[in-house]
C-alpha atoms as a PDB file:
ATOM      1  CA  LEU A   1      29.132  24.236 -49.037  1.00  0.00           C
ATOM      2  CA  LYS A   2      28.066  22.458 -52.156  1.00  0.00           C
ATOM      3  CA  PRO A   3      30.210  24.305 -55.013  1.00  0.00           C
ATOM      4  CA  SER A   4      33.529  23.697 -53.349  1.00  0.00           C
ATOM      5  CA  TYR A   5      32.634  20.298 -51.728  1.00  0.00           C
ATOM      6  CA  LYS A   6      34.371  17.908 -54.125  1.00  0.00           C
ATOM      7  CA  ALA A   7      37.578  20.247 -54.531  1.00  0.00           C
ATOM      8  CA  ARG A   8      38.276  19.855 -51.049  1.00  0.00           C
ATOM      9  CA  PRO A   9      40.618  17.088 -49.381  1.00  0.00           C
ATOM     10  CA  VAL A  10      39.011  13.916 -47.998  1.00  0.00           C
ATOM     11  CA  PHE A  11      39.492  14.650 -44.449  1.00  0.00           C
ATOM     12  CA  GLU A  12      37.973  18.283 -44.796  1.00  0.00           C
ATOM     13  CA  ARG A  13      35.023  17.041 -46.513  1.00  0.00           C
ATOM     14  CA  GLN A  14      34.338  14.464 -43.788  1.00  0.00           C
ATOM     15  CA  ARG A  15      34.730  17.409 -41.118  1.00  0.00           C
ATOM     16  CA  LEU A  16      32.180  19.711 -43.311  1.00  0.00           C
ATOM     17  CA  ALA A  17      29.831  17.029 -43.606  1.00  0.00           C
ATOM     18  CA  TYR A  18      29.995  16.306 -39.803  1.00  0.00           C
ATOM     19  CA  PHE A  19      29.284  19.877 -39.106  1.00  0.00           C
ATOM     20  CA  ALA A  20      26.856  20.277 -42.033  1.00  0.00           C
ATOM     21  CA  SER A  21      24.685  17.520 -40.397  1.00  0.00           C
ATOM     22  CA  ASP A  22      24.285  19.838 -37.081  1.00  0.00           C
ATOM     23  CA  GLU A  23      21.911  23.040 -37.467  1.00  0.00           C
ATOM     24  CA  THR A  24      24.178  25.161 -35.160  1.00  0.00           C
ATOM     25  CA  ALA A  25      27.358  24.047 -36.978  1.00  0.00           C
ATOM     26  CA  SER A  26      25.834  24.814 -40.460  1.00  0.00           C
ATOM     27  CA  SER A  27      24.587  28.304 -39.435  1.00  0.00           C
ATOM     28  CA  LEU A  28      28.414  28.969 -38.147  1.00  0.00           C
ATOM     29  CA  VAL A  29      29.788  27.604 -41.257  1.00  0.00           C
ATOM     30  CA  ARG A  30      27.699  30.144 -43.405  1.00  0.00           C
ATOM     31  CA  GLN A  31      28.792  32.968 -40.851  1.00  0.00           C
ATOM     32  CA  ALA A  32      32.550  31.780 -41.767  1.00  0.00           C
ATOM     33  CA  GLY A  33      31.702  32.359 -45.460  1.00  0.00           C
ATOM     34  CA  CYS A  34      32.817  28.798 -46.426  1.00  0.00           C
ATOM     35  CA  SER A  35      30.730  28.688 -49.199  1.00  0.00           C
ATOM     36  CA  GLY A  36      33.737  29.993 -51.397  1.00  0.00           C
ATOM     37  CA  ASP A  37      37.258  28.766 -52.080  1.00  0.00           C
ATOM     38  CA  GLY A  38      40.038  28.560 -49.454  1.00  0.00           C
ATOM     39  CA  ARG A  39      40.482  25.747 -47.094  1.00  0.00           C
ATOM     40  CA  THR A  40      42.543  27.635 -44.656  1.00  0.00           C
ATOM     41  CA  THR A  41      40.142  30.520 -44.227  1.00  0.00           C
ATOM     42  CA  CYS A  42      37.078  28.158 -43.639  1.00  0.00           C
ATOM     43  CA  THR A  43      39.204  26.080 -40.891  1.00  0.00           C
ATOM     44  CA  ALA A  44      40.411  29.348 -39.188  1.00  0.00           C
ATOM     45  CA  ALA A  45      37.109  30.761 -38.963  1.00  0.00           C
ATOM     46  CA  LEU A  46      35.500  27.668 -37.696  1.00  0.00           C
ATOM     47  CA  LEU A  47      38.432  27.502 -34.777  1.00  0.00           C
ATOM     48  CA  LEU A  48      37.417  31.260 -33.979  1.00  0.00           C
ATOM     49  CA  LEU A  49      33.588  30.650 -33.907  1.00  0.00           C
ATOM     50  CA  TRP A  50      33.471  27.177 -32.278  1.00  0.00           C
ATOM     51  CA  PRO A  51      36.730  26.071 -31.115  1.00  0.00           C
ATOM     52  CA  GLY A  52      35.035  23.369 -28.899  1.00  0.00           C
ATOM     53  CA  ARG A  53      33.741  21.331 -31.868  1.00  0.00           C
ATOM     54  CA  LEU A  54      36.625  21.374 -34.058  1.00  0.00           C
ATOM     55  CA  ARG A  55      39.653  19.343 -32.682  1.00  0.00           C
ATOM     56  CA  GLY A  56      42.427  19.869 -35.105  1.00  0.00           C
ATOM     57  CA  LEU A  57      42.255  18.723 -38.722  1.00  0.00           C
ATOM     58  CA  SER A  58      42.133  15.041 -38.018  1.00  0.00           C
ATOM     59  CA  SER A  59      39.487  13.066 -40.058  1.00  0.00           C
ATOM     60  CA  THR A  60      38.300  11.147 -36.871  1.00  0.00           C
ATOM     61  CA  PRO A  61      35.585  13.003 -35.031  1.00  0.00           C
ATOM     62  CA  ASP A  62      35.136  13.260 -31.477  1.00  0.00           C
ATOM     63  CA  VAL A  63      34.221   9.800 -30.070  1.00  0.00           C
ATOM     64  CA  HIS A  64      31.750  11.295 -27.155  1.00  0.00           C
ATOM     65  CA  VAL A  65      30.062  13.479 -29.709  1.00  0.00           C
ATOM     66  CA  LEU A  66      29.479  10.478 -31.932  1.00  0.00           C
ATOM     67  CA  ARG A  67      28.311   8.581 -29.312  1.00  0.00           C
ATOM     68  CA  SER A  68      25.936  11.185 -28.178  1.00  0.00           C
ATOM     69  CA  ARG A  69      24.594  11.540 -31.889  1.00  0.00           C
ATOM     70  CA  GLN A  70      24.027   7.709 -32.129  1.00  0.00           C
ATOM     71  CA  GLU A  71      22.087   7.612 -29.032  1.00  0.00           C
ATOM     72  CA  GLY A  72      19.865  10.428 -30.083  1.00  0.00           C
ATOM     73  CA  GLU A  73      19.527   8.628 -33.513  1.00  0.00           C
ATOM     74  CA  LYS A  74      18.324   5.354 -31.563  1.00  0.00           C
ATOM     75  CA  ASN A  75      15.874   7.585 -29.457  1.00  0.00           C
ATOM     76  CA  SER A  76      14.445   9.174 -32.295  1.00  0.00           C
ATOM     77  CA  SER A  77      14.061   5.768 -34.310  1.00  0.00           C
ATOM     78  CA  LYS A  78      12.397   4.349 -30.972  1.00  0.00           C
ATOM     79  CA  GLU A  79       9.876   7.213 -30.878  1.00  0.00           C
ATOM     80  CA  SER A  80       9.074   6.971 -34.536  1.00  0.00           C
ATOM     81  CA  SER A  81       8.345   3.279 -33.917  1.00  0.00           C
ATOM     82  CA  GLY A  82       6.059   3.892 -31.197  1.00  0.00           C
ATOM     83  CA  GLU A  83       8.416   2.614 -28.350  1.00  0.00           C
ATOM     84  CA  ASP A  84       8.233   4.688 -25.028  1.00  0.00           C
ATOM     85  CA  SER A  85      11.619   4.904 -23.209  1.00  0.00           C
ATOM     86  CA  SER A  86      10.188   6.146 -20.203  1.00  0.00           C
ATOM     87  CA  VAL A  87       8.875   2.604 -19.373  1.00  0.00           C
ATOM     88  CA  PHE A  88      12.428   1.664 -18.430  1.00  0.00           C
ATOM     89  CA  GLU A  89      12.849   4.551 -16.014  1.00  0.00           C
ATOM     90  CA  PHE A  90      12.606   4.045 -12.294  1.00  0.00           C
ATOM     91  CA  ASP A  91      11.393   6.559  -9.765  1.00  0.00           C
ATOM     92  CA  SER A  92      11.981   5.480  -6.301  1.00  0.00           C
ATOM     93  CA  ASP A  93       9.544   8.444  -4.670  1.00  0.00           C
ATOM     94  CA  ALA A  94       6.803   7.220  -7.053  1.00  0.00           C
ATOM     95  CA  MET A  95       7.141   3.552  -6.133  1.00  0.00           C
ATOM     96  CA  ARG A  96       7.164   4.434  -2.336  1.00  0.00           C
ATOM     97  CA  GLU A  97       4.080   6.272  -2.675  1.00  0.00           C
ATOM     98  CA  ARG A  98       2.385   3.609  -4.701  1.00  0.00           C
ATOM     99  CA  VAL A  99       3.563   0.710  -2.178  1.00  0.00           C
ATOM    100  CA  SER A 100       2.051   2.732   0.724  1.00  0.00           C
ATOM    101  CA  GLU A 101      -1.011   3.493  -1.064  1.00  0.00           C
ATOM    102  CA  ILE A 102      -1.432  -0.494  -1.601  1.00  0.00           C
ATOM    103  CA  LEU A 103      -0.510  -1.099   1.988  1.00  0.00           C
ATOM    104  CA  ALA A 104      -3.252   1.462   3.266  1.00  0.00           C
ATOM    105  CA  LYS A 105      -5.793  -0.065   0.838  1.00  0.00           C
ATOM    106  CA  GLN A 106      -5.020  -3.675   2.280  1.00  0.00           C
ATOM    107  CA  GLN A 107      -5.361  -2.578   5.846  1.00  0.00           C
ATOM    108  CA  TYR A 108      -8.544  -3.868   7.384  1.00  0.00           C
ATOM    109  CA  ASP A 109     -11.107  -1.780   9.357  1.00  0.00           C
ATOM    110  CA  VAL A 110     -14.194  -3.425  10.476  1.00  0.00           C
ATOM    111  CA  THR A 111     -15.966  -0.029  10.890  1.00  0.00           C
ATOM    112  CA  ARG A 112     -16.166   0.178   7.198  1.00  0.00           C
ATOM    113  CA  TYR A 113     -18.964  -1.933   7.479  1.00  0.00           C
ATOM    114  CA  TYR A 114     -20.865  -0.098  10.407  1.00  0.00           C
ATOM    115  CA  HIS A 115     -23.482   2.290   9.739  1.00  0.00           C
ATOM    116  CA  GLN A 116     -22.467   5.902   9.233  1.00  0.00           C
ATOM    117  CA  SER A 117     -25.193   7.217  11.830  1.00  0.00           C
ATOM    118  CA  GLY A 118     -27.093   5.895  14.866  1.00  0.00           C
ATOM    119  CA  LEU A 119     -26.441   4.909  18.472  1.00  0.00           C
ATOM    120  CA  TRP A 120     -25.013   1.324  17.929  1.00  0.00           C
ATOM    121  CA  GLN A 121     -22.402   2.441  15.424  1.00  0.00           C
ATOM    122  CA  PHE A 122     -21.419   5.426  18.007  1.00  0.00           C
ATOM    123  CA  ILE A 123     -20.948   3.086  20.712  1.00  0.00           C
ATOM    124  CA  ALA A 124     -19.089   0.369  18.696  1.00  0.00           C
ATOM    125  CA  LYS A 125     -16.851   3.079  17.268  1.00  0.00           C
ATOM    126  CA  HIS A 126     -16.302   4.739  20.765  1.00  0.00           C
ATOM    127  CA  PRO A 127     -12.519   4.254  22.161  1.00  0.00           C
ATOM    128  CA  ARG A 128     -13.950   4.097  25.705  1.00  0.00           C
ATOM    129  CA  PHE A 129     -16.069   1.131  24.864  1.00  0.00           C
ATOM    130  CA  GLU A 130     -13.324  -0.597  23.417  1.00  0.00           C
ATOM    131  CA  ARG A 131     -11.140   0.024  26.612  1.00  0.00           C
ATOM    132  CA  LEU A 132     -13.989  -0.822  28.746  1.00  0.00           C
ATOM    133  CA  THR A 133     -14.343  -4.341  26.739  1.00  0.00           C
ATOM    134  CA  LEU A 134     -10.733  -4.942  26.896  1.00  0.00           C
ATOM    135  CA  GLY A 135     -10.533  -4.230  30.781  1.00  0.00           C
ATOM    136  CA  ILE A 136     -13.654  -6.641  31.336  1.00  0.00           C
ATOM    137  CA  ILE A 137     -11.863  -9.282  29.197  1.00  0.00           C
ATOM    138  CA  VAL A 138      -8.741  -9.117  31.670  1.00  0.00           C
ATOM    139  CA  LEU A 139     -10.862  -9.076  34.637  1.00  0.00           C
ATOM    140  CA  ASN A 140     -12.696 -12.188  33.536  1.00  0.00           C
ATOM    141  CA  ALA A 141      -9.580 -13.862  32.782  1.00  0.00           C
ATOM    142  CA  ALA A 142      -8.314 -13.373  36.468  1.00  0.00           C
ATOM    143  CA  TRP A 143     -11.729 -14.174  37.715  1.00  0.00           C
ATOM    144  CA  MET A 144     -11.443 -17.608  35.997  1.00  0.00           C
ATOM    145  CA  TRP A 145      -8.360 -18.376  37.979  1.00  0.00           C
ATOM    146  CA  VAL A 146     -10.109 -17.380  41.205  1.00  0.00           C
ATOM    147  CA  ASP A 147     -12.964 -19.365  40.375  1.00  0.00           C
ATOM    148  CA  THR A 148     -10.969 -22.560  39.557  1.00  0.00           C
ATOM    149  CA  ASP A 149      -9.031 -22.272  42.910  1.00  0.00           C
ATOM    150  CA  ILE A 150     -11.600 -21.265  45.356  1.00  0.00           C
ATOM    151  CA  ASN A 151     -14.892 -22.289  43.947  1.00  0.00           C
ATOM    152  CA  GLN A 152     -15.513 -25.818  44.930  1.00  0.00           C
ATOM    153  CA  ALA A 153     -18.937 -26.293  43.605  1.00  0.00           C
ATOM    154  CA  ASP A 154     -19.820 -28.422  40.588  1.00  0.00           C
ATOM    155  CA  VAL A 155     -22.637 -26.515  39.038  1.00  0.00           C
ATOM    156  CA  LEU A 156     -23.298 -22.653  39.114  1.00  0.00           C
ATOM    157  CA  LEU A 157     -26.595 -23.272  41.167  1.00  0.00           C
ATOM    158  CA  SER A 158     -24.813 -24.668  44.101  1.00  0.00           C
ATOM    159  CA  ALA A 159     -21.741 -22.122  44.193  1.00  0.00           C
ATOM    160  CA  ASP A 160     -21.694 -19.247  46.612  1.00  0.00           C
ATOM    161  CA  PRO A 161     -23.640 -16.248  45.569  1.00  0.00           C
ATOM    162  CA  VAL A 162     -20.538 -14.292  44.925  1.00  0.00           C
ATOM    163  CA  PHE A 163     -19.648 -16.600  42.110  1.00  0.00           C
ATOM    164  CA  GLN A 164     -23.123 -16.744  40.531  1.00  0.00           C
ATOM    165  CA  VAL A 165     -23.294 -12.847  40.429  1.00  0.00           C
ATOM    166  CA  ALA A 166     -19.824 -12.534  39.128  1.00  0.00           C
ATOM    167  CA  GLU A 167     -20.716 -15.195  36.212  1.00  0.00           C
ATOM    168  CA  HIS A 168     -23.916 -13.453  35.477  1.00  0.00           C
ATOM    169  CA  MET A 169     -22.463  -9.977  35.230  1.00  0.00           C
ATOM    170  CA  PHE A 170     -19.795 -11.344  32.742  1.00  0.00           C
ATOM    171  CA  CYS A 171     -22.370 -12.951  30.843  1.00  0.00           C
ATOM    172  CA  VAL A 172     -24.648  -9.887  30.647  1.00  0.00           C
ATOM    173  CA  TYR A 173     -21.752  -7.776  29.375  1.00  0.00           C
ATOM    174  CA  PHE A 174     -20.215  -9.967  26.982  1.00  0.00           C
ATOM    175  CA  SER A 175     -23.819 -10.496  25.378  1.00  0.00           C
ATOM    176  CA  PHE A 176     -24.447  -6.517  25.424  1.00  0.00           C
ATOM    177  CA  GLU A 177     -21.063  -6.326  23.862  1.00  0.00           C
ATOM    178  CA  TRP A 178     -21.779  -8.666  21.043  1.00  0.00           C
ATOM    179  CA  TYR A 179     -25.522  -7.176  20.549  1.00  0.00           C
ATOM    180  CA  VAL A 180     -23.746  -3.751  20.040  1.00  0.00           C
ATOM    181  CA  ARG A 181     -21.518  -4.923  17.467  1.00  0.00           C
ATOM    182  CA  PHE A 182     -23.997  -6.910  15.592  1.00  0.00           C
ATOM    183  CA  LYS A 183     -26.452  -3.910  15.468  1.00  0.00           C
ATOM    184  CA  ALA A 184     -23.765  -1.688  14.320  1.00  0.00           C
ATOM    185  CA  PHE A 185     -23.169  -3.405  11.149  1.00  0.00           C
ATOM    186  CA  LYS A 186     -24.960  -2.032   8.308  1.00  0.00           C
ATOM    187  CA  VAL A 187     -25.495  -5.376   6.520  1.00  0.00           C
ATOM    188  CA  LYS A 188     -25.884  -8.268   9.113  1.00  0.00           C
ATOM    189  CA  ARG A 189     -24.081 -11.011   7.078  1.00  0.00           C
ATOM    190  CA  GLN A 190     -21.143  -8.689   6.850  1.00  0.00           C
ATOM    191  CA  GLY A 191     -20.376  -9.800  10.290  1.00  0.00           C
ATOM    192  CA  LEU A 192     -19.546 -13.225   9.136  1.00  0.00           C
ATOM    193  CA  ARG A 193     -16.446 -11.693   7.078  1.00  0.00           C
ATOM    194  CA  ASP A 194     -15.083 -10.526  10.398  1.00  0.00           C
ATOM    195  CA  GLY A 195     -12.938 -13.112  12.122  1.00  0.00           C
ATOM    196  CA  TRP A 196     -13.102 -11.513  15.581  1.00  0.00           C
ATOM    197  CA  PHE A 197     -16.770 -11.106  15.608  1.00  0.00           C
ATOM    198  CA  VAL A 198     -17.074 -14.680  14.529  1.00  0.00           C
ATOM    199  CA  PHE A 199     -14.620 -15.650  17.531  1.00  0.00           C
ATOM    200  CA  ASP A 200     -16.644 -13.616  19.928  1.00  0.00           C
ATOM    201  CA  SER A 201     -19.953 -15.075  18.665  1.00  0.00           C
ATOM    202  CA  CYS A 202     -18.704 -18.415  19.509  1.00  0.00           C
ATOM    203  CA  LEU A 203     -17.354 -17.405  23.047  1.00  0.00           C
ATOM    204  CA  VAL A 204     -20.581 -15.618  23.992  1.00  0.00           C
ATOM    205  CA  LEU A 205     -22.685 -18.590  22.860  1.00  0.00           C
ATOM    206  CA  THR A 206     -20.795 -21.143  24.782  1.00  0.00           C
ATOM    207  CA  MET A 207     -21.025 -18.650  27.796  1.00  0.00           C
ATOM    208  CA  VAL A 208     -24.729 -17.989  27.706  1.00  0.00           C
ATOM    209  CA  ALA A 209     -25.346 -21.917  27.096  1.00  0.00           C
ATOM    210  CA  GLU A 210     -23.192 -22.618  30.095  1.00  0.00           C
ATOM    211  CA  THR A 211     -24.563 -19.751  32.535  1.00  0.00           C
ATOM    212  CA  TRP A 212     -28.107 -19.432  31.638  1.00  0.00           C
ATOM    213  CA  VAL A 213     -29.276 -22.270  29.566  1.00  0.00           C
ATOM    214  CA  MET A 214     -27.766 -25.133  31.523  1.00  0.00           C
ATOM    215  CA  SER A 215     -29.022 -23.527  34.976  1.00  0.00           C
ATOM    216  CA  CYS A 216     -32.607 -22.972  33.470  1.00  0.00           C
ATOM    217  CA  VAL A 217     -32.581 -26.723  32.186  1.00  0.00           C
ATOM    218  CA  MET A 218     -31.420 -27.917  35.860  1.00  0.00           C
ATOM    219  CA  LEU A 219     -34.102 -25.761  37.611  1.00  0.00           C
ATOM    220  CA  ILE A 220     -36.781 -27.224  35.262  1.00  0.00           C
ATOM    221  CA  PHE A 221     -35.777 -30.774  35.954  1.00  0.00           C
ATOM    222  CA  ALA A 222     -35.023 -30.285  39.678  1.00  0.00           C
ATOM    223  CA  GLY A 223     -38.489 -28.728  40.135  1.00  0.00           C
ATOM    224  CA  GLY A 224     -40.192 -31.278  38.070  1.00  0.00           C
ATOM    225  CA  GLY A 225     -39.625 -34.063  40.620  1.00  0.00           C
ATOM    226  CA  GLY A 226     -36.849 -35.822  42.783  1.00  0.00           C
ATOM    227  CA  GLY A 227     -33.942 -37.512  40.958  1.00  0.00           C
ATOM    228  CA  GLY A 228     -32.768 -36.808  37.546  1.00  0.00           C
ATOM    229  CA  LEU A 229     -30.287 -34.032  37.623  1.00  0.00           C
ATOM    230  CA  GLY A 230     -31.334 -32.788  40.959  1.00  0.00           C
ATOM    231  CA  ASN A 231     -28.292 -34.483  42.528  1.00  0.00           C
ATOM    232  CA  ALA A 232     -25.712 -33.984  39.417  1.00  0.00           C
END
């Protein structure tokens, strides 16, 4: 191309320079024998070898091809400057998997703080134990309604034996349930981080104080002499 480059017209020099910038076009130009003289021969050979790239003898190259070349130059300049164009790419599947992983990590499970082996952690993790506890809670709520409507005694010691036995049984089970969960914790202070365990601890403490502690106090004062809390 160099020996006859200056002798060619302006529009064909632009066309050949455009082709010479591409490796494939350069090889086609060499195959067409354009290094010698003869503008018609070179143009006809290019039309036969690669008709898709040469659109007439117009001096204006293809707009879409120029845009693709400009985008390629911009990308090459970004890569040379150290910029990564993949930062701006968005993958919906990868983003969905990432969100699922984050949600799975944020899901709270108290059994992570339990022992990995042993009797207490086995009972605390067993589904039957959880279902039994839920059933006792529902039964206790129903019994509170019955006790409020039927039991006319002011204190537990003066109530009918049925109500006393029921209260003691509920208190025994809830105390046992709390003790099982407390023993299941590998580090006991981890129970303070579990909201449900703290709530259950407050309820069990209140039930034990009302059912056993107050009954013992009343029995002590009642047996120590007349008066006092004997008629309370």
